[in-house]
Amino acid sequence: MSKDKEYDEYTDKLKQVKDDFAVAIVQRDYALKTVAAFKDENTHLRAMNFSLIEALASQAPLVTTHYEGCYDSGPKHYECALLEVKKLRREWVGLTDDERVLITDVANDDLDAMILAEAKLKEKNG
């Protein structure tokens, strides 16, 4: 084999490696952007879940029908009245950012995180 032909083959192989490498970089960048998008979406969904948990936990777990001002409707709404007093006195306490991070780190999945967050809110607010 002549040196020129050998050089041409070597040059062609190098070009192919360069092209393959360029394709791999593009695919890697696409994968990284996709993962980042999923992480952003997951963070957003977790924040929405925590907001929902706090909203639900701020309403005491009651078994009857409740509505705004239901504490005026009699003894079945005693817990509602206590909750309203706590809210008016600003005694009801939500989760801190550190507590949210801890719950997220400890939880196995979103449902587990919701259960842990609800338990923590009940612990803090009675």
C-alpha atoms as a PDB file:
ATOM      1  CA  MET A   1       0.000   0.000   0.000  1.00  0.00           C
ATOM      2  CA  SER A   2       1.340   3.379  -0.931  1.00  0.00           C
ATOM      3  CA  LYS A   3       1.986   6.060   1.629  1.00  0.00           C
ATOM      4  CA  ASP A   4      -0.517   8.433  -0.032  1.00  0.00           C
ATOM      5  CA  LYS A   5      -3.299   5.842   0.049  1.00  0.00           C
ATOM      6  CA  GLU A   6      -2.486   4.949   3.646  1.00  0.00           C
ATOM      7  CA  TYR A   7      -2.494   8.653   4.571  1.00  0.00           C
ATOM      8  CA  ASP A   8      -5.883   9.141   2.833  1.00  0.00           C
ATOM      9  CA  GLU A   9      -7.417   6.197   4.697  1.00  0.00           C
ATOM     10  CA  TYR A  10      -6.053   7.481   7.981  1.00  0.00           C
ATOM     11  CA  THR A  11      -7.413  10.967   7.220  1.00  0.00           C
ATOM     12  CA  ASP A  12     -10.830   9.506   6.355  1.00  0.00           C
ATOM     13  CA  LYS A  13     -10.902   7.553   9.621  1.00  0.00           C
ATOM     14  CA  LEU A  14     -10.000  10.680  11.577  1.00  0.00           C
ATOM     15  CA  LYS A  15     -12.794  12.620   9.843  1.00  0.00           C
ATOM     16  CA  GLN A  16     -15.267   9.848  10.725  1.00  0.00           C
ATOM     17  CA  VAL A  17     -14.134   9.884  14.367  1.00  0.00           C
ATOM     18  CA  LYS A  18     -14.477  13.670  14.419  1.00  0.00           C
ATOM     19  CA  ASP A  19     -18.013  13.461  12.954  1.00  0.00           C
ATOM     20  CA  ASP A  20     -18.997  10.707  15.411  1.00  0.00           C
ATOM     21  CA  PHE A  21     -17.642  12.794  18.268  1.00  0.00           C
ATOM     22  CA  ALA A  22     -19.609  15.857  17.105  1.00  0.00           C
ATOM     23  CA  VAL A  23     -22.814  13.767  16.965  1.00  0.00           C
ATOM     24  CA  ALA A  24     -22.125  12.405  20.457  1.00  0.00           C
ATOM     25  CA  ILE A  25     -21.670  15.936  21.826  1.00  0.00           C
ATOM     26  CA  VAL A  26     -24.962  17.078  20.284  1.00  0.00           C
ATOM     27  CA  GLN A  27     -26.746  14.027  21.726  1.00  0.00           C
ATOM     28  CA  ARG A  28     -25.183  14.606  25.139  1.00  0.00           C
ATOM     29  CA  ASP A  29     -26.223  18.266  25.131  1.00  0.00           C
ATOM     30  CA  TYR A  30     -29.774  17.297  24.176  1.00  0.00           C
ATOM     31  CA  ALA A  31     -29.857  14.689  26.964  1.00  0.00           C
ATOM     32  CA  LEU A  32     -28.568  17.223  29.516  1.00  0.00           C
ATOM     33  CA  LYS A  33     -31.180  19.789  28.475  1.00  0.00           C
ATOM     34  CA  THR A  34     -33.916  17.129  28.691  1.00  0.00           C
ATOM     35  CA  VAL A  35     -32.798  16.074  32.174  1.00  0.00           C
ATOM     36  CA  ALA A  36     -32.675  19.713  33.281  1.00  0.00           C
ATOM     37  CA  ALA A  37     -36.213  20.263  31.955  1.00  0.00           C
ATOM     38  CA  PHE A  38     -37.465  17.221  33.873  1.00  0.00           C
ATOM     39  CA  LYS A  39     -35.734  18.422  37.043  1.00  0.00           C
ATOM     40  CA  ASP A  40     -37.359  21.857  36.666  1.00  0.00           C
ATOM     41  CA  GLU A  41     -40.760  20.284  36.101  1.00  0.00           C
ATOM     42  CA  ASN A  42     -40.291  17.937  39.067  1.00  0.00           C
ATOM     43  CA  THR A  43     -39.283  20.863  41.299  1.00  0.00           C
ATOM     44  CA  HIS A  44     -42.356  22.785  40.170  1.00  0.00           C
ATOM     45  CA  LEU A  45     -44.655  19.795  40.820  1.00  0.00           C
ATOM     46  CA  ARG A  46     -43.153  19.215  44.269  1.00  0.00           C
ATOM     47  CA  ALA A  47     -43.687  22.899  45.136  1.00  0.00           C
ATOM     48  CA  MET A  48     -47.312  22.593  44.009  1.00  0.00           C
ATOM     49  CA  ASN A  49     -47.712  19.439  46.133  1.00  0.00           C
ATOM     50  CA  PHE A  50     -46.320  21.192  49.210  1.00  0.00           C
ATOM     51  CA  SER A  51     -48.640  24.146  48.622  1.00  0.00           C
ATOM     52  CA  LEU A  52     -51.584  21.778  48.381  1.00  0.00           C
ATOM     53  CA  ILE A  53     -50.485  19.924  51.524  1.00  0.00           C
ATOM     54  CA  GLU A  54     -50.209  23.181  53.461  1.00  0.00           C
ATOM     55  CA  ALA A  55     -53.610  24.308  52.205  1.00  0.00           C
ATOM     56  CA  LEU A  56     -55.196  21.007  53.184  1.00  0.00           C
ATOM     57  CA  ALA A  57     -53.387  20.838  56.520  1.00  0.00           C
ATOM     58  CA  SER A  58     -54.480  24.352  57.407  1.00  0.00           C
ATOM     59  CA  GLN A  59     -58.012  22.987  57.400  1.00  0.00           C
ATOM     60  CA  ALA A  60     -58.346  20.624  60.331  1.00  0.00           C
ATOM     61  CA  PRO A  61     -59.272  17.093  59.249  1.00  0.00           C
ATOM     62  CA  LEU A  62     -63.006  17.145  59.812  1.00  0.00           C
ATOM     63  CA  VAL A  63     -65.689  14.647  58.840  1.00  0.00           C
ATOM     64  CA  THR A  64     -68.626  16.973  58.239  1.00  0.00           C
ATOM     65  CA  THR A  65     -69.237  19.512  55.491  1.00  0.00           C
ATOM     66  CA  HIS A  66     -67.259  22.670  56.025  1.00  0.00           C
ATOM     67  CA  TYR A  67     -67.308  26.077  54.416  1.00  0.00           C
ATOM     68  CA  GLU A  68     -66.081  29.592  55.052  1.00  0.00           C
ATOM     69  CA  GLY A  69     -67.537  30.696  58.393  1.00  0.00           C
ATOM     70  CA  CYS A  70     -68.897  27.241  59.312  1.00  0.00           C
ATOM     71  CA  TYR A  71     -67.586  27.719  62.861  1.00  0.00           C
ATOM     72  CA  ASP A  72     -70.765  29.753  63.519  1.00  0.00           C
ATOM     73  CA  SER A  73     -72.893  26.666  62.845  1.00  0.00           C
ATOM     74  CA  GLY A  74     -72.614  24.814  66.116  1.00  0.00           C
ATOM     75  CA  PRO A  75     -70.561  22.333  68.147  1.00  0.00           C
ATOM     76  CA  LYS A  76     -69.586  20.095  65.190  1.00  0.00           C
ATOM     77  CA  HIS A  77     -67.507  22.996  63.962  1.00  0.00           C
ATOM     78  CA  TYR A  78     -65.603  23.599  67.201  1.00  0.00           C
ATOM     79  CA  GLU A  79     -62.303  22.571  65.569  1.00  0.00           C
ATOM     80  CA  CYS A  80     -63.029  25.006  62.734  1.00  0.00           C
ATOM     81  CA  ALA A  81     -63.458  27.796  65.266  1.00  0.00           C
ATOM     82  CA  LEU A  82     -60.148  26.900  66.943  1.00  0.00           C
ATOM     83  CA  LEU A  83     -58.410  26.848  63.576  1.00  0.00           C
ATOM     84  CA  GLU A  84     -59.907  30.213  62.645  1.00  0.00           C
ATOM     85  CA  VAL A  85     -58.653  31.694  65.930  1.00  0.00           C
ATOM     86  CA  LYS A  86     -55.147  30.323  65.231  1.00  0.00           C
ATOM     87  CA  LYS A  87     -55.204  31.816  61.745  1.00  0.00           C
ATOM     88  CA  LEU A  88     -56.384  35.191  63.043  1.00  0.00           C
ATOM     89  CA  ARG A  89     -53.697  35.172  65.718  1.00  0.00           C
ATOM     90  CA  ARG A  90     -51.198  33.996  63.095  1.00  0.00           C
ATOM     91  CA  GLU A  91     -50.379  30.994  65.269  1.00  0.00           C
ATOM     92  CA  TRP A  92     -50.705  28.517  62.417  1.00  0.00           C
ATOM     93  CA  VAL A  93     -47.232  27.706  61.133  1.00  0.00           C
ATOM     94  CA  GLY A  94     -46.331  26.350  57.713  1.00  0.00           C
ATOM     95  CA  LEU A  95     -43.244  24.405  56.671  1.00  0.00           C
ATOM     96  CA  THR A  96     -39.881  26.122  56.499  1.00  0.00           C
ATOM     97  CA  ASP A  97     -37.674  25.687  53.439  1.00  0.00           C
ATOM     98  CA  ASP A  98     -35.301  23.509  55.488  1.00  0.00           C
ATOM     99  CA  GLU A  99     -38.188  21.245  56.525  1.00  0.00           C
ATOM    100  CA  ARG A 100     -39.293  20.940  52.903  1.00  0.00           C
ATOM    101  CA  VAL A 101     -35.792  19.948  51.795  1.00  0.00           C
ATOM    102  CA  LEU A 102     -35.498  17.423  54.623  1.00  0.00           C
ATOM    103  CA  ILE A 103     -38.867  15.871  53.767  1.00  0.00           C
ATOM    104  CA  THR A 104     -37.937  15.700  50.084  1.00  0.00           C
ATOM    105  CA  ASP A 105     -34.624  14.026  50.927  1.00  0.00           C
ATOM    106  CA  VAL A 106     -36.191  11.472  53.278  1.00  0.00           C
ATOM    107  CA  ALA A 107     -39.312  10.652  51.251  1.00  0.00           C
ATOM    108  CA  ASN A 108     -39.373   7.646  48.927  1.00  0.00           C
ATOM    109  CA  ASP A 109     -41.799   9.308  46.499  1.00  0.00           C
ATOM    110  CA  ASP A 110     -44.237  12.226  46.238  1.00  0.00           C
ATOM    111  CA  LEU A 111     -46.987  10.427  48.175  1.00  0.00           C
ATOM    112  CA  ASP A 112     -44.572   9.667  50.991  1.00  0.00           C
ATOM    113  CA  ALA A 113     -43.465  13.322  50.960  1.00  0.00           C
ATOM    114  CA  MET A 114     -47.090  14.462  51.224  1.00  0.00           C
ATOM    115  CA  ILE A 115     -47.715  12.157  54.194  1.00  0.00           C
ATOM    116  CA  LEU A 116     -44.538  13.313  55.961  1.00  0.00           C
ATOM    117  CA  ALA A 117     -45.327  16.969  55.304  1.00  0.00           C
ATOM    118  CA  GLU A 118     -48.887  16.616  56.599  1.00  0.00           C
ATOM    119  CA  ALA A 119     -47.609  14.881  59.752  1.00  0.00           C
ATOM    120  CA  LYS A 120     -45.039  17.639  60.301  1.00  0.00           C
ATOM    121  CA  LEU A 121     -47.681  20.340  59.890  1.00  0.00           C
ATOM    122  CA  LYS A 122     -50.008  18.605  62.345  1.00  0.00           C
ATOM    123  CA  GLU A 123     -47.100  18.243  64.787  1.00  0.00           C
ATOM    124  CA  LYS A 124     -46.327  21.972  64.541  1.00  0.00           C
ATOM    125  CA  ASN A 125     -49.939  23.163  64.705  1.00  0.00           C
ATOM    126  CA  GLY A 126     -51.596  20.658  67.009  1.00  0.00           C
END
